[in-house]
């Protein structure tokens, strides 16, 4: 499977604080420029706003796990007692 990575070029205006934050990230992680610092910042905090897309292999594995589970247990519902035992409540 081939992964496609899109690169977007942008010219941005940074206020003084944003510039200082990027310089700290750049220095802390040994990055070569502010572009890498922006990418690092997004990598670190982007999940809080936007979920990353799941890879196809991961989704296929989840579907296999689900299929095995239903073959083994069917649509059997768990009782409250079983759930409490599982959660150690």
N, C-alpha and C. Protein backbone atom coordinates (compact mmCIF):
# COMPACT_ATOMS: atom_id res chain seq x y z
N UNK A 1 0.84 -1.18 0.00
CA UNK A 1 0.00 0.00 0.00
C UNK A 1 0.89 1.24 0.00
N UNK A 2 0.58 2.18 -0.87
CA UNK A 2 1.37 3.40 -0.99
C UNK A 2 0.66 4.55 -0.29
N UNK A 3 1.38 5.26 0.55
CA UNK A 3 0.79 6.38 1.27
C UNK A 3 1.13 7.67 0.53
N UNK A 4 0.12 8.51 0.32
CA UNK A 4 0.32 9.78 -0.36
C UNK A 4 0.38 10.89 0.70
N UNK A 5 1.40 11.73 0.62
CA UNK A 5 1.54 12.84 1.55
C UNK A 5 1.43 14.13 0.73
N UNK A 6 0.49 14.96 1.11
CA UNK A 6 0.31 16.25 0.43
C UNK A 6 1.10 17.31 1.18
N UNK A 7 1.79 18.13 0.45
CA UNK A 7 2.52 19.24 1.04
C UNK A 7 1.81 20.53 0.62
N UNK A 8 1.59 21.40 1.57
CA UNK A 8 0.97 22.68 1.30
C UNK A 8 1.97 23.77 1.64
N UNK A 9 2.16 24.70 0.73
CA UNK A 9 3.05 25.82 0.96
C UNK A 9 2.20 27.00 1.40
N UNK A 10 2.62 27.68 2.45
CA UNK A 10 1.86 28.81 2.95
C UNK A 10 2.81 29.89 3.48
N UNK A 11 2.45 31.11 3.24
CA UNK A 11 3.17 32.23 3.83
C UNK A 11 2.29 32.71 4.97
N UNK A 12 2.85 32.77 6.18
CA UNK A 12 2.05 33.12 7.35
C UNK A 12 2.66 34.32 8.05
N UNK A 13 1.80 35.07 8.72
CA UNK A 13 2.25 36.17 9.56
C UNK A 13 2.10 35.73 11.01
N UNK A 14 3.17 35.82 11.77
CA UNK A 14 3.16 35.39 13.16
C UNK A 14 3.29 36.61 14.07
N UNK A 15 2.52 36.61 15.15
CA UNK A 15 2.75 37.67 16.13
C UNK A 15 3.99 37.28 16.95
N UNK A 16 4.43 38.16 17.80
CA UNK A 16 5.67 37.95 18.54
C UNK A 16 5.61 36.69 19.41
N UNK A 17 4.47 36.48 20.08
CA UNK A 17 4.33 35.31 20.96
C UNK A 17 4.39 34.01 20.17
N UNK A 18 3.65 33.93 19.06
CA UNK A 18 3.66 32.72 18.23
C UNK A 18 5.06 32.45 17.71
N UNK A 19 5.77 33.50 17.32
CA UNK A 19 7.14 33.34 16.85
C UNK A 19 8.04 32.78 17.94
N UNK A 20 7.90 33.30 19.17
CA UNK A 20 8.72 32.79 20.28
C UNK A 20 8.40 31.33 20.59
N UNK A 21 7.10 30.98 20.56
CA UNK A 21 6.72 29.58 20.81
C UNK A 21 7.35 28.67 19.77
N UNK A 22 7.27 29.05 18.51
CA UNK A 22 7.87 28.23 17.46
C UNK A 22 9.38 28.12 17.60
N UNK A 23 10.02 29.19 18.01
CA UNK A 23 11.47 29.15 18.22
C UNK A 23 11.84 28.20 19.35
N UNK A 24 11.03 28.17 20.41
CA UNK A 24 11.29 27.25 21.53
C UNK A 24 11.10 25.80 21.07
N UNK A 25 10.02 25.54 20.32
CA UNK A 25 9.79 24.18 19.80
C UNK A 25 10.93 23.77 18.89
N UNK A 26 11.34 24.68 18.03
CA UNK A 26 12.45 24.42 17.10
C UNK A 26 13.72 24.05 17.87
N UNK A 27 14.03 24.82 18.90
CA UNK A 27 15.25 24.56 19.69
C UNK A 27 15.11 23.28 20.51
N UNK A 28 13.96 23.10 21.14
CA UNK A 28 13.76 21.96 22.04
C UNK A 28 13.90 20.63 21.30
N UNK A 29 13.39 20.56 20.06
CA UNK A 29 13.40 19.31 19.32
C UNK A 29 14.49 19.27 18.24
N UNK A 30 15.34 20.27 18.20
CA UNK A 30 16.44 20.29 17.24
C UNK A 30 15.97 20.33 15.79
N UNK A 31 14.95 21.11 15.52
CA UNK A 31 14.40 21.19 14.18
C UNK A 31 15.14 22.23 13.36
N UNK A 32 15.06 22.11 12.03
CA UNK A 32 15.86 23.00 11.20
C UNK A 32 15.18 24.32 10.86
N UNK A 33 13.84 24.37 10.90
CA UNK A 33 13.17 25.62 10.58
C UNK A 33 11.79 25.70 11.24
N UNK A 34 11.14 26.85 11.07
CA UNK A 34 9.83 27.05 11.70
C UNK A 34 8.76 26.17 11.08
N UNK A 35 8.94 25.79 9.83
CA UNK A 35 8.00 24.88 9.18
C UNK A 35 7.95 23.55 9.94
N UNK A 36 9.12 23.02 10.26
CA UNK A 36 9.18 21.78 11.05
C UNK A 36 8.61 22.00 12.44
N UNK A 37 8.81 23.19 13.00
CA UNK A 37 8.27 23.50 14.33
C UNK A 37 6.73 23.53 14.30
N UNK A 38 6.17 24.10 13.24
CA UNK A 38 4.70 24.11 13.10
C UNK A 38 4.19 22.68 12.98
N UNK A 39 4.85 21.86 12.16
CA UNK A 39 4.43 20.46 12.01
C UNK A 39 4.53 19.70 13.33
N UNK A 40 5.58 19.96 14.10
CA UNK A 40 5.74 19.30 15.40
C UNK A 40 4.63 19.73 16.35
N UNK A 41 4.32 21.03 16.36
CA UNK A 41 3.25 21.55 17.22
C UNK A 41 1.92 20.90 16.87
N UNK A 42 1.63 20.79 15.58
CA UNK A 42 0.39 20.15 15.14
C UNK A 42 0.38 18.67 15.52
N UNK A 43 1.52 18.00 15.37
CA UNK A 43 1.62 16.59 15.75
C UNK A 43 1.34 16.41 17.24
N UNK A 44 1.83 17.35 18.05
CA UNK A 44 1.68 17.25 19.50
C UNK A 44 0.26 17.59 19.97
N UNK A 45 -0.37 18.59 19.36
CA UNK A 45 -1.64 19.09 19.89
C UNK A 45 -2.83 18.98 18.93
N UNK A 46 -2.60 18.56 17.72
CA UNK A 46 -3.68 18.48 16.73
C UNK A 46 -4.77 17.49 17.08
N UNK A 47 -4.41 16.39 17.76
CA UNK A 47 -5.40 15.36 18.12
C UNK A 47 -6.54 15.92 18.97
N UNK A 48 -6.26 17.00 19.69
CA UNK A 48 -7.30 17.58 20.54
C UNK A 48 -8.41 18.22 19.71
N UNK A 49 -8.12 18.55 18.46
CA UNK A 49 -9.11 19.22 17.61
C UNK A 49 -9.58 18.35 16.44
N UNK A 50 -8.65 17.59 15.84
CA UNK A 50 -8.97 16.80 14.66
C UNK A 50 -8.39 15.41 14.83
N UNK A 51 -9.23 14.38 14.64
CA UNK A 51 -8.73 13.00 14.73
C UNK A 51 -7.96 12.66 13.47
N UNK A 52 -6.89 11.91 13.65
CA UNK A 52 -6.13 11.43 12.51
C UNK A 52 -6.92 10.31 11.84
N UNK A 53 -6.73 10.15 10.56
CA UNK A 53 -7.41 9.08 9.85
C UNK A 53 -6.76 7.75 10.20
N UNK A 54 -7.60 6.74 10.39
CA UNK A 54 -7.08 5.41 10.67
C UNK A 54 -6.56 4.78 9.39
N UNK A 55 -5.47 4.04 9.50
CA UNK A 55 -4.90 3.38 8.34
C UNK A 55 -5.73 2.15 8.00
N UNK A 56 -5.73 1.78 6.72
CA UNK A 56 -6.54 0.65 6.25
C UNK A 56 -6.21 -0.64 6.99
N UNK A 57 -4.94 -0.90 7.24
CA UNK A 57 -4.54 -2.13 7.94
C UNK A 57 -5.12 -2.18 9.35
N UNK A 58 -5.14 -1.05 10.01
CA UNK A 58 -5.69 -0.96 11.36
C UNK A 58 -7.19 -1.27 11.33
N UNK A 59 -7.90 -0.68 10.38
CA UNK A 59 -9.34 -0.93 10.26
C UNK A 59 -9.62 -2.39 9.94
N UNK A 60 -8.82 -2.98 9.04
CA UNK A 60 -9.02 -4.41 8.72
C UNK A 60 -8.82 -5.28 9.96
N UNK A 61 -7.80 -4.95 10.76
CA UNK A 61 -7.53 -5.72 11.98
C UNK A 61 -8.68 -5.60 12.96
N UNK A 62 -9.24 -4.39 13.10
CA UNK A 62 -10.40 -4.21 13.98
C UNK A 62 -11.59 -5.04 13.51
N UNK A 63 -11.82 -5.08 12.22
CA UNK A 63 -12.92 -5.87 11.67
C UNK A 63 -12.70 -7.36 11.92
N UNK A 64 -11.46 -7.83 11.82
CA UNK A 64 -11.15 -9.24 12.11
C UNK A 64 -11.42 -9.56 13.58
N UNK A 65 -11.02 -8.65 14.47
CA UNK A 65 -11.25 -8.85 15.90
C UNK A 65 -12.75 -8.92 16.17
N UNK A 66 -13.49 -8.01 15.57
CA UNK A 66 -14.94 -8.00 15.76
C UNK A 66 -15.57 -9.30 15.25
N UNK A 67 -15.13 -9.77 14.08
CA UNK A 67 -15.65 -11.00 13.51
C UNK A 67 -15.37 -12.20 14.42
N UNK A 68 -14.14 -12.28 14.94
CA UNK A 68 -13.79 -13.38 15.86
C UNK A 68 -14.64 -13.32 17.13
N UNK A 69 -14.86 -12.10 17.62
CA UNK A 69 -15.66 -11.93 18.83
C UNK A 69 -17.08 -12.44 18.61
N UNK A 70 -17.71 -12.05 17.50
CA UNK A 70 -19.08 -12.48 17.25
C UNK A 70 -19.19 -13.97 16.96
N UNK A 71 -18.14 -14.56 16.35
CA UNK A 71 -18.14 -16.02 16.15
C UNK A 71 -18.10 -16.73 17.51
N UNK A 72 -17.33 -16.18 18.43
CA UNK A 72 -17.16 -16.81 19.74
C UNK A 72 -18.35 -16.56 20.66
N UNK A 73 -18.84 -15.32 20.69
CA UNK A 73 -19.86 -14.95 21.67
C UNK A 73 -21.23 -14.63 21.07
N UNK A 74 -21.32 -14.46 19.77
CA UNK A 74 -22.59 -14.09 19.16
C UNK A 74 -23.04 -12.72 19.66
N UNK A 75 -24.34 -12.55 19.77
CA UNK A 75 -24.89 -11.26 20.25
C UNK A 75 -25.29 -11.35 21.71
N UNK A 76 -24.64 -12.23 22.45
CA UNK A 76 -24.96 -12.42 23.86
C UNK A 76 -24.74 -11.11 24.64
N UNK A 77 -25.72 -10.75 25.43
CA UNK A 77 -25.60 -9.54 26.25
C UNK A 77 -24.97 -9.90 27.59
N UNK A 78 -24.21 -8.99 28.14
CA UNK A 78 -23.57 -9.18 29.43
C UNK A 78 -24.54 -8.76 30.53
N UNK A 79 -24.59 -9.55 31.58
CA UNK A 79 -25.45 -9.18 32.69
C UNK A 79 -24.76 -8.08 33.52
N UNK A 80 -25.55 -7.41 34.36
CA UNK A 80 -24.99 -6.37 35.23
C UNK A 80 -23.95 -6.98 36.16
N UNK A 81 -24.22 -8.19 36.63
CA UNK A 81 -23.29 -8.87 37.53
C UNK A 81 -21.96 -9.15 36.82
N UNK A 82 -22.03 -9.61 35.57
CA UNK A 82 -20.81 -9.88 34.80
C UNK A 82 -20.04 -8.59 34.53
N UNK A 83 -20.77 -7.51 34.23
CA UNK A 83 -20.13 -6.23 33.98
C UNK A 83 -19.44 -5.70 35.24
N UNK A 84 -20.11 -5.82 36.38
CA UNK A 84 -19.51 -5.40 37.65
C UNK A 84 -18.23 -6.19 37.94
N UNK A 85 -18.28 -7.51 37.68
CA UNK A 85 -17.10 -8.36 37.91
C UNK A 85 -15.96 -7.96 36.98
N UNK A 86 -16.29 -7.65 35.74
CA UNK A 86 -15.29 -7.25 34.77
C UNK A 86 -14.65 -5.91 35.17
N UNK A 87 -15.45 -5.01 35.68
CA UNK A 87 -14.98 -3.67 36.09
C UNK A 87 -14.51 -3.65 37.54
N UNK A 88 -14.54 -4.77 38.18
CA UNK A 88 -14.14 -4.91 39.58
C UNK A 88 -14.88 -3.93 40.47
N UNK A 89 -16.19 -3.81 40.22
CA UNK A 89 -17.01 -2.89 41.03
C UNK A 89 -17.69 -3.65 42.15
